[in-house]
Amino acid sequence: MYDYIKGDLVEKNPAYAVVEVNGIGYLLNISLHTYTQLRENEKCTLYTHLVVREDDMLLYGFADTGERELFRQLISVSGVGVNTARIILSSLSPVEVMKAIAEGDAPLLQRIKGIGAKTAQRIIIDLKDKVSRELIPHEKSGISYNTKKEEALSGLIILGFPKMIADKALVKIIESEGTGLTVEQLIKHALKVL
């Protein structure tokens, strides 16, 4: 229903933010990751996800579309509700969550409050293929350096990194390591320096 809300940030705390748009204040539930991205008394854009229940409507806000997509993937897992997904994204950054899922790191997920062994395994089993595809784009034969760099940049943007910062990191990696790296290697190197 709502894709994003753009307006003045009038209040924020680690659990929610209030964004005023044309005299209406929207209360959005946020993660700690999003909280750290927001600056007081500034214009902001939060990408939204609306949850409709029998007795309530909740609006969740995210600093970028990558975090929102990860949130949506998490709540698609049986036994993971919106509050659990928000706790996951507050305990770990989106990149750390995706890496834990891609690598099958259940113990890391189990350290999060409310996540037991079965839920951690279910998250990994249900999302591993989806996260791996986003984290490591597939290469086509005969692609050039520019295409590899662009695919790696696209993957990093999906993970939530700002385009300019990710691009600078990729340029430095290519300058130091050469143009023979695969897209997967470019992303892995970039994740170490970002």
Foldseek 3Di string as FASTA:
>chain_A
DAFKDKAWFADDDQQWTWGDDPNDTDIAGEANLQRVVDDHGDIAMWTWDWDDDPVDIHIHTHRAVLLVVQLVLQCVQPPQHNVNSRQQCNVDPLVVVLVCLQVVVLVVVCVGPPDHSVSSNSSSVSCNVVSCCLLQPDDDPPDFLVVLLVSLLNSVVSSPDDSVLLSVLLVVCCVVVNSPDGSNVSSVSSVVVD
